[in-house]
């Protein structure tokens, strides 16, 4: 028995050494690539661990900054704690390489004086290959500032997938994201308002621009279009069947295009809209009258309650500009009694 245990321990040690060597090489390659792409990276010395139940390489601290330049017109930074590459033997047997960001993580991206800050901890990432990863986090906080209006919100129980194609041809997908959050708190709305959402989903694709070759995935000039395949959620304190969906496409960098808003069980949402003076005051009088008329009509026609409400909205320079006449026409005519 002692001999068997000794042999098992020896084999485990050999396998552990081979695995941590591979993980260290992967970490060195990633850090070297980051520095070659303009990042200034400082880390604590890597620490080996996991034996006898796994293998990993861990950094207690990592600070990275990317100053803006003529070739890379964006400023970025990342400050992270307890970054672990690897895991238990069971996790290493699964497809993909696990990366755990168990400590506090702070990321900042500045583009054209617009600032995005992301705070998180407990992030789990699995690389199926360098260009395909899945992720999860118990909580993620996002804050917008700079030229953007100062807004912040958080996502709870977040999971998703990120795919990238750095060498994509023009107008082909260069970056894709699918994400789901059980709850979103404080999601920003027009007129300085916010709302809590349940079961939020997001699916977007960014296509390559004509000049994308050789540019970083963080460079906004490398993208030609934003395709919003699905941005949907259910407002808190409403039925799970109440669903708001936004889809469409925008040309970049102009941010011009068209988005389509679709609402199921829209009557409750419309009634709540008219009950909020701070929102109602921004609606044109003819639109308010049309919504009131529609709600009165829907209350007496059960079939209308089953019909979704859909509206196409132009976007100019990143601002949604709903045409009052078009909205009124959809509201007053699109739900006529058959």
C-alpha atoms as a PDB file:
ATOM      1  CA  UNK A   1       0.000   0.000   0.000  1.00  0.00           C
ATOM      2  CA  UNK A   2       2.812   2.382   0.900  1.00  0.00           C
ATOM      3  CA  UNK A   3       4.501   1.622  -2.412  1.00  0.00           C
ATOM      4  CA  UNK A   4       1.287   2.370  -4.334  1.00  0.00           C
ATOM      5  CA  UNK A   5       0.866   5.676  -2.510  1.00  0.00           C
ATOM      6  CA  UNK A   6       4.488   6.585  -3.172  1.00  0.00           C
ATOM      7  CA  UNK A   7       4.141   5.839  -6.891  1.00  0.00           C
ATOM      8  CA  UNK A   8       0.878   7.822  -7.061  1.00  0.00           C
ATOM      9  CA  UNK A   9       2.493  10.791  -5.312  1.00  0.00           C
ATOM     10  CA  UNK A  10       5.481  10.646  -7.647  1.00  0.00           C
ATOM     11  CA  UNK A  11       3.277  10.547 -10.753  1.00  0.00           C
ATOM     12  CA  UNK A  12       1.141  13.366  -9.398  1.00  0.00           C
ATOM     13  CA  UNK A  13       4.249  15.458  -8.758  1.00  0.00           C
ATOM     14  CA  UNK A  14       5.601  14.846 -12.263  1.00  0.00           C
ATOM     15  CA  UNK A  15       2.260  15.756 -13.825  1.00  0.00           C
ATOM     16  CA  UNK A  16       2.004  18.834 -11.590  1.00  0.00           C
ATOM     17  CA  UNK A  17       5.473  20.039 -12.629  1.00  0.00           C
ATOM     18  CA  UNK A  18       4.708  19.583 -16.332  1.00  0.00           C
ATOM     19  CA  UNK A  19       1.382  21.393 -15.964  1.00  0.00           C
ATOM     20  CA  UNK A  20       2.725  24.400 -14.045  1.00  0.00           C
ATOM     21  CA  UNK A  21       5.557  24.742 -16.587  1.00  0.00           C
ATOM     22  CA  UNK A  22       2.952  24.888 -19.350  1.00  0.00           C
ATOM     23  CA  UNK A  23       0.847  27.383 -17.390  1.00  0.00           C
ATOM     24  CA  UNK A  24       3.886  29.583 -16.718  1.00  0.00           C
ATOM     25  CA  UNK A  25       4.742  29.554 -20.418  1.00  0.00           C
ATOM     26  CA  UNK A  26       1.154  30.542 -21.266  1.00  0.00           C
ATOM     27  CA  UNK A  27       1.266  33.412 -18.763  1.00  0.00           C
ATOM     28  CA  UNK A  28       4.623  34.653 -20.092  1.00  0.00           C
ATOM     29  CA  UNK A  29       3.323  34.553 -23.663  1.00  0.00           C
ATOM     30  CA  UNK A  30       0.226  36.564 -22.713  1.00  0.00           C
ATOM     31  CA  UNK A  31       2.259  39.203 -20.847  1.00  0.00           C
ATOM     32  CA  UNK A  32       4.762  39.479 -23.693  1.00  0.00           C
ATOM     33  CA  UNK A  33       1.971  39.918 -26.236  1.00  0.00           C
ATOM     34  CA  UNK A  34       0.392  42.635 -24.079  1.00  0.00           C
ATOM     35  CA  UNK A  35       3.670  44.554 -23.868  1.00  0.00           C
ATOM     36  CA  UNK A  36       4.210  44.240 -27.618  1.00  0.00           C
ATOM     37  CA  UNK A  37       0.740  45.770 -28.109  1.00  0.00           C
ATOM     38  CA  UNK A  38       1.585  48.882 -26.127  1.00  0.00           C
ATOM     39  CA  UNK A  39       0.680  47.835 -22.578  1.00  0.00           C
ATOM     40  CA  UNK A  40       2.877  48.612 -19.606  1.00  0.00           C
ATOM     41  CA  UNK A  41       2.461  45.670 -17.260  1.00  0.00           C
ATOM     42  CA  UNK A  42       3.702  45.234 -13.696  1.00  0.00           C
ATOM     43  CA  UNK A  43       3.087  42.045 -11.719  1.00  0.00           C
ATOM     44  CA  UNK A  44       4.153  40.345  -8.540  1.00  0.00           C
ATOM     45  CA  UNK A  45       6.303  37.234  -9.053  1.00  0.00           C
ATOM     46  CA  UNK A  46       4.180  34.245 -10.142  1.00  0.00           C
ATOM     47  CA  UNK A  47       3.475  31.703  -7.434  1.00  0.00           C
ATOM     48  CA  UNK A  48       2.958  27.993  -8.088  1.00  0.00           C
ATOM     49  CA  UNK A  49       0.254  26.057  -6.284  1.00  0.00           C
ATOM     50  CA  UNK A  50      -2.421  23.395  -6.359  1.00  0.00           C
ATOM     51  CA  UNK A  51      -0.440  20.226  -5.582  1.00  0.00           C
ATOM     52  CA  UNK A  52      -1.636  17.526  -5.027  1.00  0.00           C
ATOM     53  CA  UNK A  53      -5.224  18.294  -6.097  1.00  0.00           C
ATOM     54  CA  UNK A  54      -4.515  20.515  -9.091  1.00  0.00           C
ATOM     55  CA  UNK A  55      -2.064  22.931 -10.660  1.00  0.00           C
ATOM     56  CA  UNK A  56      -2.067  26.676 -11.082  1.00  0.00           C
ATOM     57  CA  UNK A  57       0.075  29.767 -11.396  1.00  0.00           C
ATOM     58  CA  UNK A  58      -1.108  32.814  -9.448  1.00  0.00           C
ATOM     59  CA  UNK A  59      -0.303  36.524  -9.441  1.00  0.00           C
ATOM     60  CA  UNK A  60      -1.185  38.394  -6.267  1.00  0.00           C
ATOM     61  CA  UNK A  61      -1.301  41.673  -8.164  1.00  0.00           C
ATOM     62  CA  UNK A  62      -1.302  42.915 -11.767  1.00  0.00           C
ATOM     63  CA  UNK A  63      -1.326  46.523 -12.973  1.00  0.00           C
ATOM     64  CA  UNK A  64      -1.556  47.299 -16.671  1.00  0.00           C
ATOM     65  CA  UNK A  65      -1.856  50.621 -18.488  1.00  0.00           C
ATOM     66  CA  UNK A  66      -2.172  51.440 -22.172  1.00  0.00           C
ATOM     67  CA  UNK A  67      -1.569  55.135 -22.934  1.00  0.00           C
ATOM     68  CA  UNK A  68      -3.255  56.579 -25.992  1.00  0.00           C
ATOM     69  CA  UNK A  69      -1.129  57.196 -29.075  1.00  0.00           C
ATOM     70  CA  UNK A  70      -1.565  58.107 -32.725  1.00  0.00           C
ATOM     71  CA  UNK A  71      -1.525  54.411 -33.627  1.00  0.00           C
ATOM     72  CA  UNK A  72      -3.849  53.371 -30.775  1.00  0.00           C
ATOM     73  CA  UNK A  73      -6.301  56.198 -29.969  1.00  0.00           C
ATOM     74  CA  UNK A  74      -7.549  54.805 -26.673  1.00  0.00           C
ATOM     75  CA  UNK A  75      -6.405  54.844 -23.075  1.00  0.00           C
ATOM     76  CA  UNK A  76      -6.952  51.745 -20.942  1.00  0.00           C
ATOM     77  CA  UNK A  77      -6.005  50.377 -17.560  1.00  0.00           C
ATOM     78  CA  UNK A  78      -6.459  47.257 -15.459  1.00  0.00           C
ATOM     79  CA  UNK A  79      -5.702  46.767 -11.765  1.00  0.00           C
ATOM     80  CA  UNK A  80      -6.271  43.218 -10.544  1.00  0.00           C
ATOM     81  CA  UNK A  81      -5.712  41.044  -7.484  1.00  0.00           C
ATOM     82  CA  UNK A  82      -5.373  37.271  -7.131  1.00  0.00           C
ATOM     83  CA  UNK A  83      -5.270  36.231 -10.773  1.00  0.00           C
ATOM     84  CA  UNK A  84      -5.000  32.468 -11.086  1.00  0.00           C
ATOM     85  CA  UNK A  85      -4.357  30.499 -14.274  1.00  0.00           C
ATOM     86  CA  UNK A  86      -5.230  26.817 -13.867  1.00  0.00           C
ATOM     87  CA  UNK A  87      -7.228  25.034 -11.185  1.00  0.00           C
ATOM     88  CA  UNK A  88      -8.153  21.613  -9.860  1.00  0.00           C
ATOM     89  CA  UNK A  89      -7.376  18.503 -11.888  1.00  0.00           C
ATOM     90  CA  UNK A  90     -11.091  18.167 -12.605  1.00  0.00           C
ATOM     91  CA  UNK A  91     -11.336  21.698 -14.016  1.00  0.00           C
ATOM     92  CA  UNK A  92      -8.218  21.159 -16.114  1.00  0.00           C
ATOM     93  CA  UNK A  93      -9.718  18.010 -17.632  1.00  0.00           C
ATOM     94  CA  UNK A  94     -12.665  20.023 -18.992  1.00  0.00           C
ATOM     95  CA  UNK A  95     -12.456  21.765 -22.345  1.00  0.00           C
ATOM     96  CA  UNK A  96     -10.655  25.078 -22.131  1.00  0.00           C
ATOM     97  CA  UNK A  97      -8.107  26.658 -19.817  1.00  0.00           C
ATOM     98  CA  UNK A  98      -9.578  28.146 -16.593  1.00  0.00           C
ATOM     99  CA  UNK A  99      -8.681  31.650 -15.424  1.00  0.00           C
ATOM    100  CA  UNK A 100      -9.952  32.856 -12.032  1.00  0.00           C
ATOM    101  CA  UNK A 101      -9.991  36.528 -11.043  1.00  0.00           C
ATOM    102  CA  UNK A 102     -10.933  35.978  -7.415  1.00  0.00           C
ATOM    103  CA  UNK A 103      -9.780  39.340  -6.064  1.00  0.00           C
ATOM    104  CA  UNK A 104     -10.963  42.862  -6.837  1.00  0.00           C
ATOM    105  CA  UNK A 105     -10.652  43.850 -10.499  1.00  0.00           C
ATOM    106  CA  UNK A 106     -10.917  47.376 -11.914  1.00  0.00           C
ATOM    107  CA  UNK A 107     -10.826  48.153 -15.629  1.00  0.00           C
ATOM    108  CA  UNK A 108     -10.961  51.533 -17.349  1.00  0.00           C
ATOM    109  CA  UNK A 109     -11.346  52.386 -21.037  1.00  0.00           C
ATOM    110  CA  UNK A 110     -11.192  55.958 -22.385  1.00  0.00           C
ATOM    111  CA  UNK A 111     -12.171  56.635 -26.006  1.00  0.00           C
ATOM    112  CA  UNK A 112     -12.757  60.163 -27.319  1.00  0.00           C
ATOM    113  CA  UNK A 113     -13.030  61.447 -23.726  1.00  0.00           C
ATOM    114  CA  UNK A 114     -15.779  58.900 -23.002  1.00  0.00           C
ATOM    115  CA  UNK A 115     -14.878  56.857 -19.920  1.00  0.00           C
ATOM    116  CA  UNK A 116     -16.099  53.348 -19.077  1.00  0.00           C
ATOM    117  CA  UNK A 117     -15.149  51.854 -15.697  1.00  0.00           C
ATOM    118  CA  UNK A 118     -15.840  48.222 -14.778  1.00  0.00           C
ATOM    119  CA  UNK A 119     -15.520  46.784 -11.256  1.00  0.00           C
ATOM    120  CA  UNK A 120     -15.807  43.081 -10.480  1.00  0.00           C
ATOM    121  CA  UNK A 121     -14.605  40.223  -8.294  1.00  0.00           C
ATOM    122  CA  UNK A 122     -14.990  36.479  -8.423  1.00  0.00           C
ATOM    123  CA  UNK A 123     -14.819  36.414 -12.223  1.00  0.00           C
ATOM    124  CA  UNK A 124     -14.425  32.974 -13.796  1.00  0.00           C
ATOM    125  CA  UNK A 125     -13.162  32.670 -17.383  1.00  0.00           C
ATOM    126  CA  UNK A 126     -12.565  29.584 -19.480  1.00  0.00           C
ATOM    127  CA  UNK A 127     -10.625  29.855 -22.729  1.00  0.00           C
ATOM    128  CA  UNK A 128     -11.840  27.281 -25.218  1.00  0.00           C
ATOM    129  CA  UNK A 129      -9.187  28.766 -27.493  1.00  0.00           C
ATOM    130  CA  UNK A 130      -7.518  32.206 -27.522  1.00  0.00           C
ATOM    131  CA  UNK A 131     -10.423  33.687 -29.504  1.00  0.00           C
ATOM    132  CA  UNK A 132     -13.353  31.981 -27.754  1.00  0.00           C
ATOM    133  CA  UNK A 133     -14.041  32.329 -24.055  1.00  0.00           C
ATOM    134  CA  UNK A 134     -16.941  31.897 -21.660  1.00  0.00           C
ATOM    135  CA  UNK A 135     -17.241  33.890 -18.447  1.00  0.00           C
ATOM    136  CA  UNK A 136     -19.298  34.313 -15.294  1.00  0.00           C
ATOM    137  CA  UNK A 137     -19.334  36.700 -12.341  1.00  0.00           C
ATOM    138  CA  UNK A 138     -21.566  37.069  -9.282  1.00  0.00           C
ATOM    139  CA  UNK A 139     -21.661  40.854  -9.749  1.00  0.00           C
ATOM    140  CA  UNK A 140     -20.376  43.413 -12.227  1.00  0.00           C
ATOM    141  CA  UNK A 141     -20.527  47.204 -11.842  1.00  0.00           C
ATOM    142  CA  UNK A 142     -20.313  49.581 -14.799  1.00  0.00           C
ATOM    143  CA  UNK A 143     -19.942  53.364 -14.682  1.00  0.00           C
ATOM    144  CA  UNK A 144     -19.991  55.888 -17.535  1.00  0.00           C
ATOM    145  CA  UNK A 145     -18.434  59.347 -17.297  1.00  0.00           C
ATOM    146  CA  UNK A 146     -16.528  61.934 -19.313  1.00  0.00           C
ATOM    147  CA  UNK A 147     -18.544  63.177 -22.268  1.00  0.00           C
ATOM    148  CA  UNK A 148     -21.136  60.561 -21.443  1.00  0.00           C
ATOM    149  CA  UNK A 149     -23.704  61.506 -18.792  1.00  0.00           C
ATOM    150  CA  UNK A 150     -22.549  60.194 -15.413  1.00  0.00           C
ATOM    151  CA  UNK A 151     -24.475  56.941 -14.985  1.00  0.00           C
ATOM    152  CA  UNK A 152     -23.778  53.625 -13.276  1.00  0.00           C
ATOM    153  CA  UNK A 153     -25.525  50.300 -12.913  1.00  0.00           C
ATOM    154  CA  UNK A 154     -24.748  46.736 -11.849  1.00  0.00           C
ATOM    155  CA  UNK A 155     -25.480  43.245 -13.145  1.00  0.00           C
ATOM    156  CA  UNK A 156     -26.028  40.263 -10.837  1.00  0.00           C
ATOM    157  CA  UNK A 157     -25.332  36.600 -11.679  1.00  0.00           C
ATOM    158  CA  UNK A 158     -23.738  37.399 -15.014  1.00  0.00           C
ATOM    159  CA  UNK A 159     -22.638  34.826 -17.588  1.00  0.00           C
ATOM    160  CA  UNK A 160     -21.824  34.856 -21.259  1.00  0.00           C
ATOM    161  CA  UNK A 161     -19.509  34.181 -24.152  1.00  0.00           C
ATOM    162  CA  UNK A 162     -17.058  36.355 -26.078  1.00  0.00           C
ATOM    163  CA  UNK A 163     -15.700  35.474 -29.509  1.00  0.00           C
ATOM    164  CA  UNK A 164     -13.210  37.448 -31.551  1.00  0.00           C
ATOM    165  CA  UNK A 165     -11.862  37.319 -35.080  1.00  0.00           C
ATOM    166  CA  UNK A 166      -8.943  39.802 -35.221  1.00  0.00           C
ATOM    167  CA  UNK A 167      -8.247  39.089 -38.904  1.00  0.00           C
ATOM    168  CA  UNK A 168     -11.873  39.335 -40.056  1.00  0.00           C
ATOM    169  CA  UNK A 169     -12.504  40.769 -43.500  1.00  0.00           C
ATOM    170  CA  UNK A 170     -14.346  44.106 -43.817  1.00  0.00           C
ATOM    171  CA  UNK A 171     -18.028  43.834 -42.815  1.00  0.00           C
ATOM    172  CA  UNK A 172     -17.510  40.378 -41.280  1.00  0.00           C
ATOM    173  CA  UNK A 173     -17.917  39.855 -37.533  1.00  0.00           C
ATOM    174  CA  UNK A 174     -14.767  40.869 -35.666  1.00  0.00           C
ATOM    175  CA  UNK A 175     -16.122  40.729 -32.110  1.00  0.00           C
ATOM    176  CA  UNK A 176     -19.222  39.041 -30.743  1.00  0.00           C
ATOM    177  CA  UNK A 177     -20.755  39.028 -27.271  1.00  0.00           C
ATOM    178  CA  UNK A 178     -23.616  37.069 -25.725  1.00  0.00           C
ATOM    179  CA  UNK A 179     -24.454  37.818 -22.085  1.00  0.00           C
ATOM    180  CA  UNK A 180     -27.213  37.098 -19.574  1.00  0.00           C
ATOM    181  CA  UNK A 181     -27.835  38.667 -16.172  1.00  0.00           C
ATOM    182  CA  UNK A 182     -30.411  37.503 -13.653  1.00  0.00           C
ATOM    183  CA  UNK A 183     -30.864  41.083 -12.407  1.00  0.00           C
ATOM    184  CA  UNK A 184     -29.723  44.523 -13.535  1.00  0.00           C
ATOM    185  CA  UNK A 185     -29.969  47.296 -10.934  1.00  0.00           C
ATOM    186  CA  UNK A 186     -30.166  50.960 -11.879  1.00  0.00           C
ATOM    187  CA  UNK A 187     -30.181  50.513 -15.651  1.00  0.00           C
ATOM    188  CA  UNK A 188     -30.083  54.037 -17.163  1.00  0.00           C
ATOM    189  CA  UNK A 189     -33.120  55.306 -19.065  1.00  0.00           C
ATOM    190  CA  UNK A 190     -33.803  58.571 -20.910  1.00  0.00           C
ATOM    191  CA  UNK A 191     -34.546  61.760 -18.971  1.00  0.00           C
ATOM    192  CA  UNK A 192     -32.110  60.841 -16.196  1.00  0.00           C
ATOM    193  CA  UNK A 193     -34.230  57.941 -14.936  1.00  0.00           C
ATOM    194  CA  UNK A 194     -33.245  54.357 -14.137  1.00  0.00           C
ATOM    195  CA  UNK A 195     -34.950  50.996 -13.731  1.00  0.00           C
ATOM    196  CA  UNK A 196     -34.285  47.553 -12.271  1.00  0.00           C
ATOM    197  CA  UNK A 197     -34.561  44.664 -14.720  1.00  0.00           C
ATOM    198  CA  UNK A 198     -34.852  40.881 -14.556  1.00  0.00           C
ATOM    199  CA  UNK A 199     -33.659  38.221 -16.991  1.00  0.00           C
ATOM    200  CA  UNK A 200     -31.632  40.632 -19.121  1.00  0.00           C
ATOM    201  CA  UNK A 201     -30.069  39.339 -22.341  1.00  0.00           C
ATOM    202  CA  UNK A 202     -27.623  40.925 -24.741  1.00  0.00           C
ATOM    203  CA  UNK A 203     -26.328  39.664 -28.093  1.00  0.00           C
ATOM    204  CA  UNK A 204     -24.219  41.994 -30.222  1.00  0.00           C
ATOM    205  CA  UNK A 205     -21.759  41.729 -33.096  1.00  0.00           C
ATOM    206  CA  UNK A 206     -19.201  44.297 -34.225  1.00  0.00           C
ATOM    207  CA  UNK A 207     -18.123  44.033 -37.856  1.00  0.00           C
ATOM    208  CA  UNK A 208     -14.669  44.873 -39.152  1.00  0.00           C
ATOM    209  CA  UNK A 209     -14.042  48.230 -40.797  1.00  0.00           C
ATOM    210  CA  UNK A 210     -12.066  48.734 -43.994  1.00  0.00           C
ATOM    211  CA  UNK A 211      -8.978  49.623 -41.916  1.00  0.00           C
ATOM    212  CA  UNK A 212      -9.259  46.990 -39.173  1.00  0.00           C
ATOM    213  CA  UNK A 213      -6.248  44.876 -40.135  1.00  0.00           C
ATOM    214  CA  UNK A 214      -3.550  45.105 -37.475  1.00  0.00           C
ATOM    215  CA  UNK A 215      -5.638  47.231 -35.119  1.00  0.00           C
ATOM    216  CA  UNK A 216      -6.430  46.316 -31.516  1.00  0.00           C
ATOM    217  CA  UNK A 217      -9.868  45.017 -30.626  1.00  0.00           C
ATOM    218  CA  UNK A 218     -10.140  48.025 -28.286  1.00  0.00           C
ATOM    219  CA  UNK A 219      -9.590  50.484 -31.138  1.00  0.00           C
ATOM    220  CA  UNK A 220     -12.993  51.936 -32.134  1.00  0.00           C
ATOM    221  CA  UNK A 221     -11.780  52.664 -35.674  1.00  0.00           C
ATOM    222  CA  UNK A 222     -11.464  48.911 -36.294  1.00  0.00           C
ATOM    223  CA  UNK A 223     -15.254  48.493 -36.410  1.00  0.00           C
ATOM    224  CA  UNK A 224     -17.666  49.388 -39.194  1.00  0.00           C
ATOM    225  CA  UNK A 225     -21.054  48.402 -37.785  1.00  0.00           C
ATOM    226  CA  UNK A 226     -22.710  47.507 -34.502  1.00  0.00           C
ATOM    227  CA  UNK A 227     -25.376  44.841 -34.939  1.00  0.00           C
ATOM    228  CA  UNK A 228     -27.699  44.636 -31.943  1.00  0.00           C
ATOM    229  CA  UNK A 229     -29.233  41.190 -32.322  1.00  0.00           C
ATOM    230  CA  UNK A 230     -31.038  41.118 -28.980  1.00  0.00           C
ATOM    231  CA  UNK A 231     -31.179  43.462 -26.012  1.00  0.00           C
ATOM    232  CA  UNK A 232     -34.132  42.381 -23.919  1.00  0.00           C
ATOM    233  CA  UNK A 233     -35.298  42.364 -20.307  1.00  0.00           C
ATOM    234  CA  UNK A 234     -38.325  42.267 -18.033  1.00  0.00           C
ATOM    235  CA  UNK A 235     -38.935  45.297 -15.779  1.00  0.00           C
ATOM    236  CA  UNK A 236     -38.977  44.505 -12.068  1.00  0.00           C
ATOM    237  CA  UNK A 237     -42.441  44.337 -10.436  1.00  0.00           C
ATOM    238  CA  UNK A 238     -44.105  43.278 -13.673  1.00  0.00           C
ATOM    239  CA  UNK A 239     -45.192  39.911 -15.021  1.00  0.00           C
ATOM    240  CA  UNK A 240     -42.382  37.719 -16.441  1.00  0.00           C
ATOM    241  CA  UNK A 241     -44.315  37.832 -19.722  1.00  0.00           C
ATOM    242  CA  UNK A 242     -43.716  41.593 -19.954  1.00  0.00           C
ATOM    243  CA  UNK A 243     -40.726  41.838 -22.235  1.00  0.00           C
ATOM    244  CA  UNK A 244     -38.960  44.810 -23.786  1.00  0.00           C
ATOM    245  CA  UNK A 245     -36.681  44.065 -26.745  1.00  0.00           C
ATOM    246  CA  UNK A 246     -34.408  46.317 -28.769  1.00  0.00           C
ATOM    247  CA  UNK A 247     -32.731  45.225 -32.019  1.00  0.00           C
ATOM    248  CA  UNK A 248     -31.166  46.866 -35.052  1.00  0.00           C
ATOM    249  CA  UNK A 249     -27.869  48.095 -36.492  1.00  0.00           C
ATOM    250  CA  UNK A 250     -25.739  51.241 -36.359  1.00  0.00           C
ATOM    251  CA  UNK A 251     -23.024  52.425 -38.723  1.00  0.00           C
ATOM    252  CA  UNK A 252     -19.759  53.296 -36.980  1.00  0.00           C
ATOM    253  CA  UNK A 253     -18.191  55.610 -36.012  1.00  0.00           C
ATOM    254  CA  UNK A 254     -21.142  57.890 -36.878  1.00  0.00           C
ATOM    255  CA  UNK A 255     -23.550  55.816 -34.728  1.00  0.00           C
ATOM    256  CA  UNK A 256     -26.356  56.333 -37.223  1.00  0.00           C
ATOM    257  CA  UNK A 257     -28.960  53.689 -37.992  1.00  0.00           C
ATOM    258  CA  UNK A 258     -32.301  52.274 -36.935  1.00  0.00           C
ATOM    259  CA  UNK A 259     -33.434  50.370 -33.857  1.00  0.00           C
ATOM    260  CA  UNK A 260     -36.696  48.490 -33.437  1.00  0.00           C
ATOM    261  CA  UNK A 261     -38.428  48.505 -30.059  1.00  0.00           C
ATOM    262  CA  UNK A 262     -40.825  45.649 -29.313  1.00  0.00           C
ATOM    263  CA  UNK A 263     -42.937  45.277 -26.168  1.00  0.00           C
ATOM    264  CA  UNK A 264     -45.118  42.347 -25.154  1.00  0.00           C
ATOM    265  CA  UNK A 265     -47.962  42.944 -22.695  1.00  0.00           C
ATOM    266  CA  UNK A 266     -47.313  46.599 -23.390  1.00  0.00           C
ATOM    267  CA  UNK A 267     -50.489  47.866 -21.716  1.00  0.00           C
ATOM    268  CA  UNK A 268     -49.053  47.648 -18.205  1.00  0.00           C
ATOM    269  CA  UNK A 269     -45.835  49.305 -19.330  1.00  0.00           C
ATOM    270  CA  UNK A 270     -47.692  52.096 -21.136  1.00  0.00           C
ATOM    271  CA  UNK A 271     -49.856  52.743 -18.087  1.00  0.00           C
ATOM    272  CA  UNK A 272     -46.771  52.981 -15.887  1.00  0.00           C
ATOM    273  CA  UNK A 273     -45.199  55.332 -18.423  1.00  0.00           C
ATOM    274  CA  UNK A 274     -48.115  57.738 -18.200  1.00  0.00           C
ATOM    275  CA  UNK A 275     -48.114  57.510 -14.405  1.00  0.00           C
ATOM    276  CA  UNK A 276     -44.593  58.965 -14.223  1.00  0.00           C
ATOM    277  CA  UNK A 277     -44.820  62.788 -14.463  1.00  0.00           C
ATOM    278  CA  UNK A 278     -41.089  63.083 -15.109  1.00  0.00           C
ATOM    279  CA  UNK A 279     -41.522  60.914 -18.231  1.00  0.00           C
ATOM    280  CA  UNK A 280     -44.941  62.126 -19.310  1.00  0.00           C
ATOM    281  CA  UNK A 281     -43.689  65.713 -19.384  1.00  0.00           C
ATOM    282  CA  UNK A 282     -41.267  64.778 -22.184  1.00  0.00           C
ATOM    283  CA  UNK A 283     -43.940  63.155 -24.371  1.00  0.00           C
ATOM    284  CA  UNK A 284     -45.603  65.205 -27.087  1.00  0.00           C
ATOM    285  CA  UNK A 285     -49.273  66.017 -26.325  1.00  0.00           C
ATOM    286  CA  UNK A 286     -50.531  64.094 -29.367  1.00  0.00           C
ATOM    287  CA  UNK A 287     -48.527  61.043 -28.281  1.00  0.00           C
ATOM    288  CA  UNK A 288     -49.929  61.232 -24.750  1.00  0.00           C
ATOM    289  CA  UNK A 289     -53.453  61.420 -26.153  1.00  0.00           C
ATOM    290  CA  UNK A 290     -52.807  58.492 -28.494  1.00  0.00           C
ATOM    291  CA  UNK A 291     -51.461  56.337 -25.652  1.00  0.00           C
ATOM    292  CA  UNK A 292     -54.444  57.144 -23.450  1.00  0.00           C
ATOM    293  CA  UNK A 293     -56.831  56.319 -26.290  1.00  0.00           C
ATOM    294  CA  UNK A 294     -55.030  53.070 -27.024  1.00  0.00           C
ATOM    295  CA  UNK A 295     -55.144  51.963 -23.382  1.00  0.00           C
ATOM    296  CA  UNK A 296     -58.866  52.673 -23.215  1.00  0.00           C
ATOM    297  CA  UNK A 297     -59.441  50.693 -26.406  1.00  0.00           C
ATOM    298  CA  UNK A 298     -57.275  47.773 -25.254  1.00  0.00           C
ATOM    299  CA  UNK A 299     -59.138  47.485 -21.957  1.00  0.00           C
ATOM    300  CA  UNK A 300     -62.276  46.453 -23.847  1.00  0.00           C
ATOM    301  CA  UNK A 301     -60.689  44.243 -26.528  1.00  0.00           C
ATOM    302  CA  UNK A 302     -58.938  41.136 -25.116  1.00  0.00           C
ATOM    303  CA  UNK A 303     -57.329  40.325 -28.479  1.00  0.00           C
ATOM    304  CA  UNK A 304     -55.377  43.579 -28.426  1.00  0.00           C
ATOM    305  CA  UNK A 305     -53.692  42.606 -25.179  1.00  0.00           C
ATOM    306  CA  UNK A 306     -52.017  39.689 -26.935  1.00  0.00           C
ATOM    307  CA  UNK A 307     -50.535  41.785 -29.727  1.00  0.00           C
ATOM    308  CA  UNK A 308     -46.967  43.053 -29.283  1.00  0.00           C
ATOM    309  CA  UNK A 309     -46.189  46.707 -29.785  1.00  0.00           C
ATOM    310  CA  UNK A 310     -43.371  47.371 -32.282  1.00  0.00           C
ATOM    311  CA  UNK A 311     -41.807  50.687 -33.256  1.00  0.00           C
ATOM    312  CA  UNK A 312     -38.891  51.572 -35.551  1.00  0.00           C
ATOM    313  CA  UNK A 313     -36.749  54.447 -34.257  1.00  0.00           C
ATOM    314  CA  UNK A 314     -33.988  56.377 -36.051  1.00  0.00           C
ATOM    315  CA  UNK A 315     -30.654  56.873 -34.297  1.00  0.00           C
ATOM    316  CA  UNK A 316     -28.522  59.918 -35.142  1.00  0.00           C
ATOM    317  CA  UNK A 317     -25.068  60.433 -33.615  1.00  0.00           C
ATOM    318  CA  UNK A 318     -25.860  57.806 -31.001  1.00  0.00           C
ATOM    319  CA  UNK A 319     -29.083  59.469 -29.880  1.00  0.00           C
ATOM    320  CA  UNK A 320     -32.437  57.724 -30.269  1.00  0.00           C
ATOM    321  CA  UNK A 321     -34.804  60.203 -31.900  1.00  0.00           C
ATOM    322  CA  UNK A 322     -38.307  58.735 -31.963  1.00  0.00           C
ATOM    323  CA  UNK A 323     -40.424  60.509 -34.556  1.00  0.00           C
ATOM    324  CA  UNK A 324     -43.496  61.781 -32.692  1.00  0.00           C
ATOM    325  CA  UNK A 325     -45.733  61.493 -35.742  1.00  0.00           C
ATOM    326  CA  UNK A 326     -44.526  57.972 -36.463  1.00  0.00           C
ATOM    327  CA  UNK A 327     -45.076  56.925 -32.853  1.00  0.00           C
ATOM    328  CA  UNK A 328     -48.551  58.416 -32.849  1.00  0.00           C
ATOM    329  CA  UNK A 329     -49.408  56.673 -36.120  1.00  0.00           C
ATOM    330  CA  UNK A 330     -48.268  53.291 -34.806  1.00  0.00           C
ATOM    331  CA  UNK A 331     -50.100  53.750 -31.536  1.00  0.00           C
ATOM    332  CA  UNK A 332     -53.353  55.004 -33.038  1.00  0.00           C
ATOM    333  CA  UNK A 333     -53.502  52.862 -36.182  1.00  0.00           C
ATOM    334  CA  UNK A 334     -51.357  49.806 -35.588  1.00  0.00           C
ATOM    335  CA  UNK A 335     -53.802  48.307 -33.074  1.00  0.00           C
ATOM    336  CA  UNK A 336     -57.126  48.973 -34.700  1.00  0.00           C
ATOM    337  CA  UNK A 337     -59.901  46.525 -34.075  1.00  0.00           C
ATOM    338  CA  UNK A 338     -59.859  43.874 -36.820  1.00  0.00           C
END
